N, C-alpha and C. Protein backbone atom coordinates (compact mmCIF):
# COMPACT_ATOMS: atom_id res chain seq x y z
N MET A 1 146.62 123.29 160.73
CA MET A 1 146.15 122.28 161.07
C MET A 1 144.41 122.38 159.64
N SER A 2 144.45 121.74 158.99
CA SER A 2 143.37 121.31 158.35
C SER A 2 142.17 120.60 159.12
N ARG A 3 141.08 121.43 158.24
CA ARG A 3 139.51 120.91 158.82
C ARG A 3 139.62 119.53 157.77
N ARG A 4 138.98 118.66 158.62
CA ARG A 4 138.52 117.18 158.31
C ARG A 4 137.29 116.87 157.02
N GLY A 5 136.84 117.99 156.58
CA GLY A 5 135.88 118.19 155.42
C GLY A 5 136.56 118.67 154.20
N GLU A 6 137.68 118.79 154.26
CA GLU A 6 138.29 119.76 153.16
C GLU A 6 139.31 118.44 152.68
N GLN A 7 139.57 117.20 153.33
CA GLN A 7 140.78 116.18 152.83
C GLN A 7 140.19 115.63 151.29
N GLY A 8 139.09 115.74 151.28
CA GLY A 8 138.86 114.81 149.95
C GLY A 8 137.18 114.53 149.56
N PHE A 9 137.18 113.58 148.48
CA PHE A 9 135.95 113.55 148.30
C PHE A 9 134.95 112.58 149.15
N MET A 10 133.90 112.35 149.47
CA MET A 10 132.91 111.82 150.39
C MET A 10 132.70 110.24 149.51
N LEU A 11 132.52 109.48 149.96
CA LEU A 11 132.24 107.78 149.09
C LEU A 11 130.93 108.06 148.53
N LEU A 12 129.92 108.92 148.82
CA LEU A 12 128.76 109.26 148.02
C LEU A 12 129.02 109.89 146.98
N GLU A 13 129.80 111.14 147.00
CA GLU A 13 130.02 111.67 145.91
C GLU A 13 130.53 110.89 144.46
N VAL A 14 131.52 109.93 145.04
CA VAL A 14 132.35 108.99 144.00
C VAL A 14 131.53 108.28 143.38
N LEU A 15 130.58 107.74 144.14
CA LEU A 15 129.78 106.85 143.72
C LEU A 15 128.58 107.83 142.89
N LEU A 16 128.54 108.85 143.18
CA LEU A 16 127.06 109.55 142.39
C LEU A 16 127.99 110.01 141.15
N ALA A 17 129.19 110.10 141.16
CA ALA A 17 129.82 110.53 139.86
C ALA A 17 130.06 109.33 138.64
N SER A 18 130.36 108.13 139.46
CA SER A 18 130.63 107.07 138.78
C SER A 18 129.56 106.72 138.37
N PHE A 19 128.38 106.59 138.82
CA PHE A 19 126.69 106.80 138.36
C PHE A 19 126.82 106.96 137.17
N LEU A 20 126.65 108.47 137.21
CA LEU A 20 126.80 109.41 135.90
C LEU A 20 127.52 109.17 134.73
N VAL A 21 128.73 108.72 134.90
CA VAL A 21 129.51 108.43 133.85
C VAL A 21 129.15 107.09 132.87
N ALA A 22 128.88 106.17 133.84
CA ALA A 22 128.26 104.55 133.29
C ALA A 22 126.96 105.45 132.92
N VAL A 23 125.95 105.66 133.00
CA VAL A 23 125.06 106.13 132.24
C VAL A 23 125.08 106.59 131.38
N GLY A 24 125.88 107.81 130.99
CA GLY A 24 126.50 108.67 129.84
C GLY A 24 127.10 107.79 129.00
N LEU A 25 127.74 106.73 129.39
CA LEU A 25 128.47 105.75 128.59
C LEU A 25 127.61 104.94 127.61
N MET A 26 126.49 104.31 128.55
CA MET A 26 125.41 103.85 128.32
C MET A 26 124.94 104.36 127.10
N VAL A 27 124.43 105.37 127.15
CA VAL A 27 123.85 106.14 126.54
C VAL A 27 124.48 106.31 124.99
N LEU A 28 125.68 106.70 125.12
CA LEU A 28 126.69 106.73 123.88
C LEU A 28 127.18 105.46 122.94
N ILE A 29 127.12 104.52 123.57
CA ILE A 29 127.06 102.90 123.03
C ILE A 29 125.95 102.80 122.31
N GLU A 30 124.55 102.93 122.92
CA GLU A 30 123.38 103.06 122.25
C GLU A 30 123.09 103.82 121.12
N SER A 31 123.40 104.84 121.38
CA SER A 31 123.60 105.96 120.44
C SER A 31 124.63 105.44 119.27
N LEU A 32 125.84 104.83 119.41
CA LEU A 32 126.29 104.50 118.33
C LEU A 32 125.75 103.03 117.79
N GLY A 33 125.38 102.26 118.13
CA GLY A 33 124.46 101.09 117.94
C GLY A 33 123.56 101.40 116.73
N ARG A 34 122.69 102.92 117.32
CA ARG A 34 121.68 102.74 116.50
C ARG A 34 122.05 103.59 114.99
N CYS A 35 123.53 104.51 115.52
CA CYS A 35 123.66 105.16 114.19
C CYS A 35 124.48 104.04 113.07
N ILE A 36 125.23 103.17 113.44
CA ILE A 36 125.46 101.83 112.70
C ILE A 36 124.50 101.51 111.96
N ALA A 37 123.06 100.99 112.56
CA ALA A 37 122.10 100.46 112.04
C ALA A 37 121.49 101.16 111.02
N ALA A 38 121.69 102.51 111.01
CA ALA A 38 121.01 103.38 110.45
C ALA A 38 121.90 103.39 109.32
N ALA A 39 123.40 103.41 109.08
CA ALA A 39 124.12 103.53 108.04
C ALA A 39 123.85 102.21 107.39
N ARG A 40 123.90 101.20 107.72
CA ARG A 40 123.36 99.75 106.85
C ARG A 40 122.04 99.55 106.54
N THR A 41 121.07 100.44 106.71
CA THR A 41 119.93 100.72 106.17
C THR A 41 120.08 101.72 105.04
N VAL A 42 120.67 102.45 105.32
CA VAL A 42 120.83 103.49 104.00
C VAL A 42 121.35 102.88 102.86
N GLN A 43 122.76 101.84 103.10
CA GLN A 43 123.58 101.16 102.28
C GLN A 43 122.28 100.27 101.63
N HIS A 44 121.82 99.20 102.14
CA HIS A 44 120.81 98.57 101.63
C HIS A 44 120.11 99.31 100.31
N TYR A 45 119.72 100.83 100.81
CA TYR A 45 118.61 101.18 99.95
C TYR A 45 119.40 101.76 98.93
N ALA A 46 120.63 102.23 98.93
CA ALA A 46 121.75 102.90 98.00
C ALA A 46 122.00 101.45 96.88
N ILE A 47 121.99 100.43 97.68
CA ILE A 47 122.34 99.08 97.02
C ILE A 47 120.84 98.85 95.76
N VAL A 48 120.01 98.49 96.35
CA VAL A 48 118.68 98.42 95.72
C VAL A 48 118.44 99.37 94.65
N GLU A 49 118.66 100.67 94.95
CA GLU A 49 118.24 101.72 94.13
C GLU A 49 119.52 101.20 92.65
N VAL A 50 120.37 101.16 92.59
CA VAL A 50 121.27 100.53 91.91
C VAL A 50 121.05 99.58 91.05
N LEU A 51 120.46 98.21 91.91
CA LEU A 51 120.02 97.08 91.05
C LEU A 51 118.45 97.25 90.44
N LEU A 52 117.58 98.46 91.15
CA LEU A 52 116.43 98.90 90.19
C LEU A 52 116.99 99.12 89.31
N ALA A 53 117.70 100.15 88.86
CA ALA A 53 118.20 100.89 87.64
C ALA A 53 118.77 99.76 86.66
N ASN A 54 119.58 99.02 87.28
CA ASN A 54 120.12 98.19 85.94
C ASN A 54 119.30 96.74 85.62
N LYS A 55 118.06 96.48 86.59
CA LYS A 55 117.17 95.67 86.03
C LYS A 55 116.08 96.27 84.96
N SER A 56 115.96 97.77 85.15
CA SER A 56 115.36 98.26 84.22
C SER A 56 116.24 98.54 83.01
N TYR A 57 117.18 99.00 82.95
CA TYR A 57 118.17 99.19 81.86
C TYR A 57 117.84 97.58 80.98
N GLU A 58 117.97 96.35 81.89
CA GLU A 58 118.04 95.31 81.14
C GLU A 58 116.94 94.92 80.55
N PHE A 59 115.50 95.28 81.35
CA PHE A 59 114.55 95.03 79.87
C PHE A 59 114.41 96.17 79.10
N ARG A 60 114.90 97.36 79.52
CA ARG A 60 114.40 98.09 78.44
C ARG A 60 115.51 97.99 77.16
N VAL A 61 116.61 97.71 77.39
CA VAL A 61 118.03 97.62 76.08
C VAL A 61 118.02 96.39 75.75
N GLU A 62 118.61 95.86 77.24
CA GLU A 62 118.99 94.35 76.75
C GLU A 62 117.73 93.04 76.51
N ARG A 63 117.07 93.29 76.71
CA ARG A 63 116.06 92.29 76.40
C ARG A 63 114.67 92.86 75.81
N PRO A 64 114.45 93.72 75.10
CA PRO A 64 113.46 94.69 74.80
C PRO A 64 112.11 93.59 74.51
N LYS A 65 112.16 92.20 73.91
CA LYS A 65 111.26 91.54 73.28
C LYS A 65 110.71 90.57 74.61
N ASP A 66 111.47 90.62 75.77
CA ASP A 66 111.22 90.03 76.71
C ASP A 66 109.89 90.70 77.64
N VAL A 67 108.72 89.95 77.23
CA VAL A 67 107.29 90.53 77.66
C VAL A 67 106.35 89.96 79.08
N ASP A 68 106.83 89.11 79.27
CA ASP A 68 106.69 88.07 80.51
C ASP A 68 106.90 88.71 81.79
N ASP A 69 106.31 88.37 82.76
CA ASP A 69 106.26 88.73 84.01
C ASP A 69 107.38 87.51 84.37
N ALA A 70 108.41 88.10 85.43
CA ALA A 70 109.64 87.03 85.51
C ALA A 70 109.70 87.56 87.28
N THR A 71 110.72 86.70 87.73
CA THR A 71 111.05 87.11 89.19
C THR A 71 112.31 86.24 89.17
N GLY A 72 113.51 86.57 89.75
CA GLY A 72 114.90 86.16 90.19
C GLY A 72 115.69 86.82 91.32
N THR A 73 116.82 86.62 91.44
CA THR A 73 117.83 87.04 92.47
C THR A 73 119.00 87.53 91.95
N PHE A 74 119.83 87.91 92.59
CA PHE A 74 120.97 88.50 91.99
C PHE A 74 122.19 88.29 92.48
N PRO A 75 122.54 87.33 91.84
CA PRO A 75 124.14 86.31 92.44
C PRO A 75 124.99 87.19 93.02
N ASP A 76 125.33 88.19 92.66
CA ASP A 76 126.40 89.05 93.38
C ASP A 76 125.79 89.88 94.37
N TYR A 77 124.34 89.82 95.03
CA TYR A 77 123.72 90.10 96.04
C TYR A 77 122.78 89.25 96.65
N PRO A 78 123.47 88.24 97.33
CA PRO A 78 122.69 87.31 98.24
C PRO A 78 121.80 88.05 99.21
N GLY A 79 120.28 87.53 99.49
CA GLY A 79 119.48 88.06 100.27
C GLY A 79 118.34 89.31 99.09
N PHE A 80 118.97 89.26 98.22
CA PHE A 80 118.09 90.28 97.51
C PHE A 80 117.05 89.46 96.16
N GLU A 81 115.74 89.72 96.50
CA GLU A 81 115.34 89.29 94.92
C GLU A 81 114.78 90.48 94.20
N TRP A 82 114.03 89.85 92.99
CA TRP A 82 113.77 90.97 92.01
C TRP A 82 112.32 90.19 91.41
N GLN A 83 111.23 91.09 91.29
CA GLN A 83 109.90 90.66 90.67
C GLN A 83 109.58 91.73 89.75
N ARG A 84 109.44 91.30 88.58
CA ARG A 84 108.65 92.33 87.61
C ARG A 84 107.25 91.71 86.93
N LYS A 85 106.62 92.56 87.04
CA LYS A 85 104.89 92.53 86.55
C LYS A 85 104.54 93.31 85.59
N LEU A 86 103.97 92.96 84.72
CA LEU A 86 103.28 93.91 83.85
C LEU A 86 101.73 93.94 83.87
N GLU A 87 101.32 95.40 83.68
CA GLU A 87 99.72 95.08 83.73
C GLU A 87 99.26 96.00 82.75
N ALA A 88 98.10 95.59 82.19
CA ALA A 88 97.78 96.40 80.63
C ALA A 88 97.50 97.40 81.31
N THR A 89 97.39 98.84 80.34
CA THR A 89 96.35 100.24 80.79
C THR A 89 95.40 100.13 79.60
N ASP A 90 94.86 100.98 79.73
CA ASP A 90 93.53 101.53 79.06
C ASP A 90 94.00 102.03 77.55
N VAL A 91 95.25 102.29 77.57
CA VAL A 91 95.50 102.44 75.91
C VAL A 91 96.24 101.18 75.54
N GLU A 92 96.02 101.12 74.03
CA GLU A 92 96.46 99.65 73.38
C GLU A 92 97.95 99.53 73.09
N GLY A 93 98.47 98.56 73.66
CA GLY A 93 99.78 98.40 73.64
C GLY A 93 100.81 99.33 74.62
N LEU A 94 100.58 99.93 75.43
CA LEU A 94 100.90 100.51 76.71
C LEU A 94 100.98 99.68 77.87
N TRP A 95 101.77 99.25 78.60
CA TRP A 95 101.78 98.30 79.89
C TRP A 95 102.75 99.30 80.56
N LYS A 96 102.14 98.81 82.00
CA LYS A 96 102.66 99.36 82.96
C LYS A 96 103.71 98.55 83.82
N GLN A 97 105.04 98.54 83.39
CA GLN A 97 105.97 97.80 84.26
C GLN A 97 106.39 98.18 85.62
N THR A 98 106.20 96.93 86.61
CA THR A 98 106.98 97.32 88.06
C THR A 98 107.57 96.18 88.35
N ILE A 99 109.07 96.82 88.58
CA ILE A 99 110.23 96.02 89.01
C ILE A 99 109.92 96.37 90.46
N THR A 100 110.31 95.24 91.16
CA THR A 100 110.15 95.19 92.90
C THR A 100 111.61 94.65 93.08
N VAL A 101 111.91 95.08 94.11
CA VAL A 101 113.35 94.50 94.49
C VAL A 101 113.00 94.44 96.42
N SER A 102 113.12 93.10 97.11
CA SER A 102 112.66 92.70 98.01
C SER A 102 114.14 92.04 98.63
N TRP A 103 114.22 92.48 100.28
CA TRP A 103 115.12 91.69 101.15
C TRP A 103 114.82 91.86 102.51
N THR A 104 115.44 91.55 103.49
CA THR A 104 114.85 91.45 105.03
C THR A 104 116.31 92.05 105.59
N GLU A 105 115.88 92.91 106.47
CA GLU A 105 116.48 93.62 107.63
C GLU A 105 116.07 93.89 108.35
N HIS A 106 116.78 93.37 109.23
CA HIS A 106 116.44 93.24 110.69
C HIS A 106 115.44 92.40 111.15
N GLY A 107 115.44 91.52 110.57
CA GLY A 107 114.31 90.69 110.68
C GLY A 107 113.02 90.91 110.04
N GLU A 108 112.74 92.06 109.42
CA GLU A 108 111.94 92.41 108.81
C GLU A 108 112.03 92.62 107.13
N PRO A 109 110.90 92.40 106.40
CA PRO A 109 110.80 92.43 104.90
C PRO A 109 110.62 93.84 104.64
N CYS A 110 111.60 94.17 103.54
CA CYS A 110 111.60 95.42 102.87
C CYS A 110 111.33 95.39 101.51
N THR A 111 111.07 96.39 100.94
CA THR A 111 110.76 96.57 99.43
C THR A 111 110.99 97.64 98.73
N ASP A 112 111.38 97.77 97.96
CA ASP A 112 111.50 99.05 97.19
C ASP A 112 111.33 98.88 95.57
N GLU A 113 110.36 99.62 94.83
CA GLU A 113 109.64 99.27 93.37
C GLU A 113 110.36 100.75 92.27
N VAL A 114 110.37 100.22 91.21
CA VAL A 114 110.30 101.11 90.13
C VAL A 114 108.86 100.96 89.10
N VAL A 115 108.35 101.90 88.78
CA VAL A 115 107.07 101.69 87.81
C VAL A 115 107.46 102.23 86.61
N GLU A 116 107.58 101.97 85.36
CA GLU A 116 107.50 102.67 84.36
C GLU A 116 106.59 102.10 83.27
N TYR A 117 106.33 103.17 82.39
CA TYR A 117 105.20 102.50 81.31
C TYR A 117 106.14 102.17 80.27
N ARG A 118 105.61 101.15 79.56
CA ARG A 118 106.45 100.67 78.23
C ARG A 118 105.39 100.49 77.05
N TYR A 119 105.71 100.71 75.87
CA TYR A 119 105.19 100.54 74.72
C TYR A 119 105.41 99.14 73.86
N LEU A 120 104.72 98.16 74.20
CA LEU A 120 104.75 96.78 73.50
C LEU A 120 103.94 96.36 72.66
N PRO A 121 103.53 96.76 71.54
CA PRO A 121 102.75 96.49 70.69
C PRO A 121 102.05 94.97 70.37
N ASP A 122 103.61 94.28 70.43
CA ASP A 122 103.50 92.83 69.97
C ASP A 122 102.64 91.71 71.61
N LYS A 123 102.67 92.81 72.11
CA LYS A 123 102.26 91.82 73.50
C LYS A 123 100.48 92.18 73.70
N PRO A 124 100.00 90.45 73.74
CA PRO A 124 98.69 90.38 73.55
C PRO A 124 98.03 90.97 75.12
N GLN A 125 96.99 92.04 75.05
CA GLN A 125 96.25 92.66 75.81
C GLN A 125 95.44 91.52 76.53
């Protein structure tokens, strides 16, 4: 003869176990979403570093005589914009060049920039 208490799980135990599994799954899914968002952010910053390096190269090598402030977009990367600003320094002919790339991520504006010093003796201070 078997005892009645050993026949199986009580309804309360099954409900509690189901609740714990559901909470665990919700936490796991939320963590996965955050991981994906972080990976996208890292991807954007990696793209921006390449875009900044390309713009810096363009102004130093391909367009060395271009000495004006400028703005533009990247046709191959929609949503990314760039701005170049030249500021005079205390040394004659030496200019501070700031190239900024901006984009929107999760509805928030983001920017990254590179600052370089260029010798441009022909540009009037």
